[in-house]
Amino acid sequence: MKTHKNSKAETASAIGDRLLTLREAADVLRLSTRTMREYVQRGEIEGRIIGRRWRFRRADLDAFFANAPRNWDFAGKNNQGD
């Protein structure tokens, strides 16, 4: 029975204190909700739909930020090289 209690504690710590909504996650990263959805669709940010709403773990947002390049290259975005 002790093993069962440890499993429960590990699951709780893996999820974190609370899940963030799409807007809250976007605010944490200072992105628009549209950009957040694009990152999720490309698999760059982990997110789940729970009850027909997006939910995010803070640890996943921190991992995305930690793995992001230090300098974003926006030159190819509008194909003008500005």
PDB file of N, CA and C in Angstrom:
ATOM      1  N   MET A   1       0.817  -1.191   0.000  1.00  0.00           N
ATOM      2  CA  MET A   1       0.000   0.000   0.000  1.00  0.00           C
ATOM      3  C   MET A   1       0.867   1.263   0.000  1.00  0.00           C
ATOM      4  N   LYS A   2       2.045   1.166   0.571  1.00  0.00           N
ATOM      5  CA  LYS A   2       2.956   2.303   0.581  1.00  0.00           C
ATOM      6  C   LYS A   2       3.331   2.724  -0.849  1.00  0.00           C
ATOM      7  N   THR A   3       3.514   1.769  -1.748  1.00  0.00           N
ATOM      8  CA  THR A   3       3.846   2.062  -3.128  1.00  0.00           C
ATOM      9  C   THR A   3       2.751   2.894  -3.782  1.00  0.00           C
ATOM     10  N   HIS A   4       1.509   2.580  -3.490  1.00  0.00           N
ATOM     11  CA  HIS A   4       0.386   3.308  -4.062  1.00  0.00           C
ATOM     12  C   HIS A   4       0.426   4.786  -3.652  1.00  0.00           C
ATOM     13  N   LYS A   5       0.752   5.068  -2.402  1.00  0.00           N
ATOM     14  CA  LYS A   5       0.820   6.453  -1.933  1.00  0.00           C
ATOM     15  C   LYS A   5       1.936   7.206  -2.639  1.00  0.00           C
ATOM     16  N   ASN A   6       3.085   6.573  -2.848  1.00  0.00           N
ATOM     17  CA  ASN A   6       4.181   7.218  -3.558  1.00  0.00           C
ATOM     18  C   ASN A   6       3.794   7.543  -4.986  1.00  0.00           C
ATOM     19  N   SER A   7       3.097   6.640  -5.668  1.00  0.00           N
ATOM     20  CA  SER A   7       2.669   6.879  -7.042  1.00  0.00           C
ATOM     21  C   SER A   7       1.763   8.085  -7.117  1.00  0.00           C
ATOM     22  N   LYS A   8       0.865   8.198  -6.161  1.00  0.00           N
ATOM     23  CA  LYS A   8      -0.062   9.316  -6.123  1.00  0.00           C
ATOM     24  C   LYS A   8       0.692  10.634  -5.933  1.00  0.00           C
ATOM     25  N   ALA A   9       1.661  10.647  -5.053  1.00  0.00           N
ATOM     26  CA  ALA A   9       2.449  11.856  -4.794  1.00  0.00           C
ATOM     27  C   ALA A   9       3.263  12.244  -6.016  1.00  0.00           C
ATOM     28  N   GLU A  10       3.833  11.271  -6.707  1.00  0.00           N
ATOM     29  CA  GLU A  10       4.608  11.559  -7.911  1.00  0.00           C
ATOM     30  C   GLU A  10       3.720  12.146  -8.993  1.00  0.00           C
ATOM     31  N   THR A  11       2.512  11.617  -9.164  1.00  0.00           N
ATOM     32  CA  THR A  11       1.592  12.136 -10.159  1.00  0.00           C
ATOM     33  C   THR A  11       1.210  13.572  -9.838  1.00  0.00           C
ATOM     34  N   ALA A  12       0.920  13.854  -8.591  1.00  0.00           N
ATOM     35  CA  ALA A  12       0.538  15.207  -8.195  1.00  0.00           C
ATOM     36  C   ALA A  12       1.663  16.196  -8.450  1.00  0.00           C
ATOM     37  N   SER A  13       2.889  15.827  -8.137  1.00  0.00           N
ATOM     38  CA  SER A  13       3.997  16.748  -8.353  1.00  0.00           C
ATOM     39  C   SER A  13       4.306  16.920  -9.841  1.00  0.00           C
ATOM     40  N   ALA A  14       4.012  15.921 -10.648  1.00  0.00           N
ATOM     41  CA  ALA A  14       4.247  16.039 -12.082  1.00  0.00           C
ATOM     42  C   ALA A  14       3.286  17.030 -12.718  1.00  0.00           C
ATOM     43  N   ILE A  15       2.075  17.124 -12.218  1.00  0.00           N
ATOM     44  CA  ILE A  15       1.085  18.038 -12.772  1.00  0.00           C
ATOM     45  C   ILE A  15       1.322  19.455 -12.270  1.00  0.00           C
ATOM     46  N   GLY A  16       1.738  19.606 -11.053  1.00  0.00           N
ATOM     47  CA  GLY A  16       1.968  20.931 -10.509  1.00  0.00           C
ATOM     48  C   GLY A  16       0.784  21.400  -9.692  1.00  0.00           C
ATOM     49  N   ASP A  17       0.891  22.620  -9.200  1.00  0.00           N
ATOM     50  CA  ASP A  17      -0.163  23.155  -8.334  1.00  0.00           C
ATOM     51  C   ASP A  17      -1.465  23.380  -9.087  1.00  0.00           C
ATOM     52  N   ARG A  18      -1.372  23.987 -10.263  1.00  0.00           N
ATOM     53  CA  ARG A  18      -2.595  24.185 -11.043  1.00  0.00           C
ATOM     54  C   ARG A  18      -2.235  24.328 -12.509  1.00  0.00           C
ATOM     55  N   LEU A  19      -3.188  24.060 -13.343  1.00  0.00           N
ATOM     56  CA  LEU A  19      -2.983  24.183 -14.778  1.00  0.00           C
ATOM     57  C   LEU A  19      -3.347  25.590 -15.221  1.00  0.00           C
ATOM     58  N   LEU A  20      -2.658  26.066 -16.246  1.00  0.00           N
ATOM     59  CA  LEU A  20      -2.906  27.409 -16.766  1.00  0.00           C
ATOM     60  C   LEU A  20      -3.828  27.350 -17.977  1.00  0.00           C
ATOM     61  N   THR A  21      -4.653  28.353 -18.124  1.00  0.00           N
ATOM     62  CA  THR A  21      -5.493  28.476 -19.307  1.00  0.00           C
ATOM     63  C   THR A  21      -4.635  28.966 -20.474  1.00  0.00           C
ATOM     64  N   LEU A  22      -5.210  28.983 -21.649  1.00  0.00           N
ATOM     65  CA  LEU A  22      -4.499  29.483 -22.827  1.00  0.00           C
ATOM     66  C   LEU A  22      -4.074  30.932 -22.621  1.00  0.00           C
ATOM     67  N   ARG A  23      -4.962  31.763 -22.117  1.00  0.00           N
ATOM     68  CA  ARG A  23      -4.647  33.173 -21.892  1.00  0.00           C
ATOM     69  C   ARG A  23      -3.546  33.331 -20.841  1.00  0.00           C
ATOM     70  N   GLU A  24      -3.630  32.581 -19.763  1.00  0.00           N
ATOM     71  CA  GLU A  24      -2.615  32.669 -18.713  1.00  0.00           C
ATOM     72  C   GLU A  24      -1.257  32.222 -19.234  1.00  0.00           C
ATOM     73  N   ALA A  25      -1.237  31.142 -20.013  1.00  0.00           N
ATOM     74  CA  ALA A  25       0.025  30.651 -20.579  1.00  0.00           C
ATOM     75  C   ALA A  25       0.612  31.675 -21.546  1.00  0.00           C
ATOM     76  N   ALA A  26      -0.247  32.270 -22.365  1.00  0.00           N
ATOM     77  CA  ALA A  26       0.208  33.293 -23.302  1.00  0.00           C
ATOM     78  C   ALA A  26       0.779  34.491 -22.542  1.00  0.00           C
ATOM     79  N   ASP A  27       0.140  34.869 -21.453  1.00  0.00           N
ATOM     80  CA  ASP A  27       0.633  35.987 -20.641  1.00  0.00           C
ATOM     81  C   ASP A  27       1.994  35.674 -20.024  1.00  0.00           C
ATOM     82  N   VAL A  28       2.192  34.441 -19.578  1.00  0.00           N
ATOM     83  CA  VAL A  28       3.470  34.046 -18.984  1.00  0.00           C
ATOM     84  C   VAL A  28       4.598  34.231 -20.007  1.00  0.00           C
ATOM     85  N   LEU A  29       4.352  33.821 -21.246  1.00  0.00           N
ATOM     86  CA  LEU A  29       5.379  33.910 -22.292  1.00  0.00           C
ATOM     87  C   LEU A  29       5.323  35.228 -23.061  1.00  0.00           C
ATOM     88  N   ARG A  30       4.345  36.067 -22.714  1.00  0.00           N
ATOM     89  CA  ARG A  30       4.144  37.348 -23.401  1.00  0.00           C
ATOM     90  C   ARG A  30       3.937  37.144 -24.899  1.00  0.00           C
ATOM     91  N   LEU A  31       3.035  36.206 -25.205  1.00  0.00           N
ATOM     92  CA  LEU A  31       2.659  35.908 -26.575  1.00  0.00           C
ATOM     93  C   LEU A  31       1.155  36.102 -26.732  1.00  0.00           C
ATOM     94  N   SER A  32       0.705  36.184 -27.964  1.00  0.00           N
ATOM     95  CA  SER A  32      -0.738  36.213 -28.206  1.00  0.00           C
ATOM     96  C   SER A  32      -1.271  34.783 -28.105  1.00  0.00           C
ATOM     97  N   THR A  33      -2.567  34.665 -27.885  1.00  0.00           N
ATOM     98  CA  THR A  33      -3.163  33.331 -27.826  1.00  0.00           C
ATOM     99  C   THR A  33      -3.051  32.644 -29.191  1.00  0.00           C
ATOM    100  N   ARG A  34      -3.115  33.398 -30.249  1.00  0.00           N
ATOM    101  CA  ARG A  34      -2.965  32.829 -31.603  1.00  0.00           C
ATOM    102  C   ARG A  34      -1.574  32.206 -31.775  1.00  0.00           C
ATOM    103  N   THR A  35      -0.546  32.918 -31.330  1.00  0.00           N
ATOM    104  CA  THR A  35       0.820  32.405 -31.423  1.00  0.00           C
ATOM    105  C   THR A  35       0.982  31.160 -30.560  1.00  0.00           C
ATOM    106  N   MET A  36       0.379  31.169 -29.372  1.00  0.00           N
ATOM    107  CA  MET A  36       0.429  29.983 -28.500  1.00  0.00           C
ATOM    108  C   MET A  36      -0.144  28.771 -29.222  1.00  0.00           C
ATOM    109  N   ARG A  37      -1.304  28.938 -29.857  1.00  0.00           N
ATOM    110  CA  ARG A  37      -1.931  27.827 -30.583  1.00  0.00           C
ATOM    111  C   ARG A  37      -1.022  27.319 -31.703  1.00  0.00           C
ATOM    112  N   GLU A  38      -0.347  28.229 -32.390  1.00  0.00           N
ATOM    113  CA  GLU A  38       0.566  27.830 -33.464  1.00  0.00           C
ATOM    114  C   GLU A  38       1.716  26.993 -32.920  1.00  0.00           C
ATOM    115  N   TYR A  39       2.296  27.419 -31.793  1.00  0.00           N
ATOM    116  CA  TYR A  39       3.383  26.653 -31.176  1.00  0.00           C
ATOM    117  C   TYR A  39       2.906  25.271 -30.746  1.00  0.00           C
ATOM    118  N   VAL A  40       1.694  25.183 -30.221  1.00  0.00           N
ATOM    119  CA  VAL A  40       1.143  23.889 -29.802  1.00  0.00           C
ATOM    120  C   VAL A  40       0.938  22.992 -31.021  1.00  0.00           C
ATOM    121  N   GLN A  41       0.374  23.536 -32.091  1.00  0.00           N
ATOM    122  CA  GLN A  41       0.135  22.753 -33.302  1.00  0.00           C
ATOM    123  C   GLN A  41       1.434  22.227 -33.903  1.00  0.00           C
ATOM    124  N   ARG A  42       2.507  22.999 -33.782  1.00  0.00           N
ATOM    125  CA  ARG A  42       3.811  22.565 -34.294  1.00  0.00           C
ATOM    126  C   ARG A  42       4.538  21.661 -33.317  1.00  0.00           C
ATOM    127  N   GLY A  43       3.988  21.467 -32.128  1.00  0.00           N
ATOM    128  CA  GLY A  43       4.602  20.595 -31.135  1.00  0.00           C
ATOM    129  C   GLY A  43       5.739  21.236 -30.358  1.00  0.00           C
ATOM    130  N   GLU A  44       5.841  22.551 -30.394  1.00  0.00           N
ATOM    131  CA  GLU A  44       6.919  23.244 -29.689  1.00  0.00           C
ATOM    132  C   GLU A  44       6.569  23.520 -28.234  1.00  0.00           C
ATOM    133  N   ILE A  45       5.288  23.601 -27.923  1.00  0.00           N
ATOM    134  CA  ILE A  45       4.810  23.777 -26.549  1.00  0.00           C
ATOM    135  C   ILE A  45       3.820  22.663 -26.258  1.00  0.00           C
ATOM    136  N   GLU A  46       3.978  22.047 -25.089  1.00  0.00           N
ATOM    137  CA  GLU A  46       3.056  21.000 -24.662  1.00  0.00           C
ATOM    138  C   GLU A  46       1.780  21.628 -24.118  1.00  0.00           C
ATOM    139  N   GLY A  47       0.655  21.124 -24.559  1.00  0.00           N
ATOM    140  CA  GLY A  47      -0.628  21.579 -24.053  1.00  0.00           C
ATOM    141  C   GLY A  47      -1.643  20.455 -24.203  1.00  0.00           C
ATOM    142  N   ARG A  48      -2.707  20.532 -23.450  1.00  0.00           N
ATOM    143  CA  ARG A  48      -3.760  19.512 -23.500  1.00  0.00           C
ATOM    144  C   ARG A  48      -5.111  20.200 -23.549  1.00  0.00           C
ATOM    145  N   ILE A  49      -6.034  19.580 -24.237  1.00  0.00           N
ATOM    146  CA  ILE A  49      -7.408  20.048 -24.198  1.00  0.00           C
ATOM    147  C   ILE A  49      -8.128  19.225 -23.146  1.00  0.00           C
ATOM    148  N   ILE A  50      -8.609  19.914 -22.126  1.00  0.00           N
ATOM    149  CA  ILE A  50      -9.335  19.282 -21.035  1.00  0.00           C
ATOM    150  C   ILE A  50     -10.670  20.014 -20.927  1.00  0.00           C
ATOM    151  N   GLY A  51     -11.745  19.269 -21.089  1.00  0.00           N
ATOM    152  CA  GLY A  51     -13.060  19.908 -21.035  1.00  0.00           C
ATOM    153  C   GLY A  51     -13.248  20.942 -22.123  1.00  0.00           C
ATOM    154  N   ARG A  52     -12.735  20.663 -23.302  1.00  0.00           N
ATOM    155  CA  ARG A  52     -12.815  21.534 -24.488  1.00  0.00           C
ATOM    156  C   ARG A  52     -12.071  22.853 -24.327  1.00  0.00           C
ATOM    157  N   ARG A  53     -11.142  22.917 -23.386  1.00  0.00           N
ATOM    158  CA  ARG A  53     -10.328  24.119 -23.169  1.00  0.00           C
ATOM    159  C   ARG A  53      -8.855  23.733 -23.080  1.00  0.00           C
ATOM    160  N   TRP A  54      -7.991  24.596 -23.613  1.00  0.00           N
ATOM    161  CA  TRP A  54      -6.560  24.354 -23.525  1.00  0.00           C
ATOM    162  C   TRP A  54      -6.079  24.539 -22.097  1.00  0.00           C
ATOM    163  N   ARG A  55      -5.176  23.644 -21.673  1.00  0.00           N
ATOM    164  CA  ARG A  55      -4.538  23.734 -20.360  1.00  0.00           C
ATOM    165  C   ARG A  55      -3.041  23.481 -20.527  1.00  0.00           C
ATOM    166  N   PHE A  56      -2.246  24.197 -19.737  1.00  0.00           N
ATOM    167  CA  PHE A  56      -0.795  24.124 -19.836  1.00  0.00           C
ATOM    168  C   PHE A  56      -0.188  24.006 -18.449  1.00  0.00           C
ATOM    169  N   ARG A  57       0.922  23.258 -18.368  1.00  0.00           N
ATOM    170  CA  ARG A  57       1.682  23.180 -17.122  1.00  0.00           C
ATOM    171  C   ARG A  57       2.776  24.242 -17.171  1.00  0.00           C
ATOM    172  N   ARG A  58       3.031  24.867 -16.061  1.00  0.00           N
ATOM    173  CA  ARG A  58       4.067  25.896 -15.998  1.00  0.00           C
ATOM    174  C   ARG A  58       5.432  25.300 -16.360  1.00  0.00           C
ATOM    175  N   ALA A  59       5.681  24.062 -15.946  1.00  0.00           N
ATOM    176  CA  ALA A  59       6.961  23.407 -16.250  1.00  0.00           C
ATOM    177  C   ALA A  59       7.173  23.289 -17.759  1.00  0.00           C
ATOM    178  N   ASP A  60       6.100  23.039 -18.517  1.00  0.00           N
ATOM    179  CA  ASP A  60       6.222  22.948 -19.977  1.00  0.00           C
ATOM    180  C   ASP A  60       6.531  24.307 -20.597  1.00  0.00           C
ATOM    181  N   LEU A  61       5.947  25.358 -20.038  1.00  0.00           N
ATOM    182  CA  LEU A  61       6.247  26.705 -20.532  1.00  0.00           C
ATOM    183  C   LEU A  61       7.694  27.074 -20.224  1.00  0.00           C
ATOM    184  N   ASP A  62       8.161  26.712 -19.030  1.00  0.00           N
ATOM    185  CA  ASP A  62       9.552  26.966 -18.656  1.00  0.00           C
ATOM    186  C   ASP A  62      10.507  26.206 -19.568  1.00  0.00           C
ATOM    187  N   ALA A  63      10.152  24.967 -19.917  1.00  0.00           N
ATOM    188  CA  ALA A  63      10.995  24.159 -20.813  1.00  0.00           C
ATOM    189  C   ALA A  63      11.039  24.779 -22.206  1.00  0.00           C
ATOM    190  N   PHE A  64       9.911  25.259 -22.690  1.00  0.00           N
ATOM    191  CA  PHE A  64       9.876  25.924 -23.997  1.00  0.00           C
ATOM    192  C   PHE A  64      10.804  27.134 -23.989  1.00  0.00           C
ATOM    193  N   PHE A  65      10.718  27.935 -22.954  1.00  0.00           N
ATOM    194  CA  PHE A  65      11.558  29.126 -22.850  1.00  0.00           C
ATOM    195  C   PHE A  65      13.033  28.757 -22.758  1.00  0.00           C
ATOM    196  N   ALA A  66      13.343  27.754 -21.972  1.00  0.00           N
ATOM    197  CA  ALA A  66      14.739  27.336 -21.792  1.00  0.00           C
ATOM    198  C   ALA A  66      15.346  26.815 -23.089  1.00  0.00           C
ATOM    199  N   ASN A  67      14.534  26.189 -23.927  1.00  0.00           N
ATOM    200  CA  ASN A  67      15.025  25.608 -25.178  1.00  0.00           C
ATOM    201  C   ASN A  67      14.942  26.561 -26.361  1.00  0.00           C
ATOM    202  N   ALA A  68      14.348  27.732 -26.179  1.00  0.00           N
ATOM    203  CA  ALA A  68      14.216  28.696 -27.273  1.00  0.00           C
ATOM    204  C   ALA A  68      15.577  29.303 -27.593  1.00  0.00           C
ATOM    205  N   PRO A  69      15.822  29.613 -28.869  1.00  0.00           N
ATOM    206  CA  PRO A  69      17.093  30.254 -29.219  1.00  0.00           C
ATOM    207  C   PRO A  69      17.199  31.634 -28.566  1.00  0.00           C
ATOM    208  N   ARG A  70      18.433  32.026 -28.281  1.00  0.00           N
ATOM    209  CA  ARG A  70      18.649  33.332 -27.637  1.00  0.00           C
ATOM    210  C   ARG A  70      18.265  34.488 -28.549  1.00  0.00           C
ATOM    211  N   ASN A  71      18.462  34.323 -29.843  1.00  0.00           N
ATOM    212  CA  ASN A  71      18.123  35.367 -30.819  1.00  0.00           C
ATOM    213  C   ASN A  71      17.163  34.781 -31.844  1.00  0.00           C
ATOM    214  N   TRP A  72      15.955  35.314 -31.882  1.00  0.00           N
ATOM    215  CA  TRP A  72      14.979  34.851 -32.858  1.00  0.00           C
ATOM    216  C   TRP A  72      15.307  35.465 -34.208  1.00  0.00           C
ATOM    217  N   ASP A  73      15.207  34.675 -35.255  1.00  0.00           N
ATOM    218  CA  ASP A  73      15.441  35.151 -36.613  1.00  0.00           C
ATOM    219  C   ASP A  73      14.089  35.385 -37.272  1.00  0.00           C
ATOM    220  N   PHE A  74      13.712  36.642 -37.373  1.00  0.00           N
ATOM    221  CA  PHE A  74      12.418  36.974 -37.976  1.00  0.00           C
ATOM    222  C   PHE A  74      12.569  37.349 -39.450  1.00  0.00           C
ATOM    223  N   ALA A  75      13.761  37.287 -40.003  1.00  0.00           N
ATOM    224  CA  ALA A  75      13.997  37.729 -41.371  1.00  0.00           C
ATOM    225  C   ALA A  75      13.135  37.004 -42.382  1.00  0.00           C
ATOM    226  N   GLY A  76      12.932  35.716 -42.200  1.00  0.00           N
ATOM    227  CA  GLY A  76      12.154  34.961 -43.179  1.00  0.00           C
ATOM    228  C   GLY A  76      10.665  35.038 -43.004  1.00  0.00           C
ATOM    229  N   LYS A  77      10.192  35.664 -41.931  1.00  0.00           N
ATOM    230  CA  LYS A  77       8.767  35.666 -41.642  1.00  0.00           C
ATOM    231  C   LYS A  77       7.969  36.403 -42.703  1.00  0.00           C
ATOM    232  N   ASN A  78       8.419  37.586 -43.111  1.00  0.00           N
ATOM    233  CA  ASN A  78       7.659  38.349 -44.109  1.00  0.00           C
ATOM    234  C   ASN A  78       8.332  38.321 -45.490  1.00  0.00           C
ATOM    235  N   ASN A  79       9.381  37.496 -45.621  1.00  0.00           N
ATOM    236  CA  ASN A  79      10.118  37.293 -46.873  1.00  0.00           C
ATOM    237  C   ASN A  79      10.713  38.581 -47.428  1.00  0.00           C
ATOM    238  N   GLN A  80      10.872  39.598 -46.597  1.00  0.00           N
ATOM    239  CA  GLN A  80      11.469  40.842 -47.048  1.00  0.00           C
ATOM    240  C   GLN A  80      12.867  41.036 -46.471  1.00  0.00           C
ATOM    241  N   GLY A  81      13.268  40.215 -45.500  1.00  0.00           N
ATOM    242  CA  GLY A  81      14.595  40.289 -44.941  1.00  0.00           C
ATOM    243  C   GLY A  81      14.839  41.490 -44.050  1.00  0.00           C
ATOM    244  N   ASP A  82      13.779  42.164 -43.593  1.00  0.00           N
ATOM    245  CA  ASP A  82      13.944  43.347 -42.734  1.00  0.00           C
ATOM    246  C   ASP A  82      14.411  42.942 -41.357  1.00  0.00           C
TER     247      ASP A  82
END
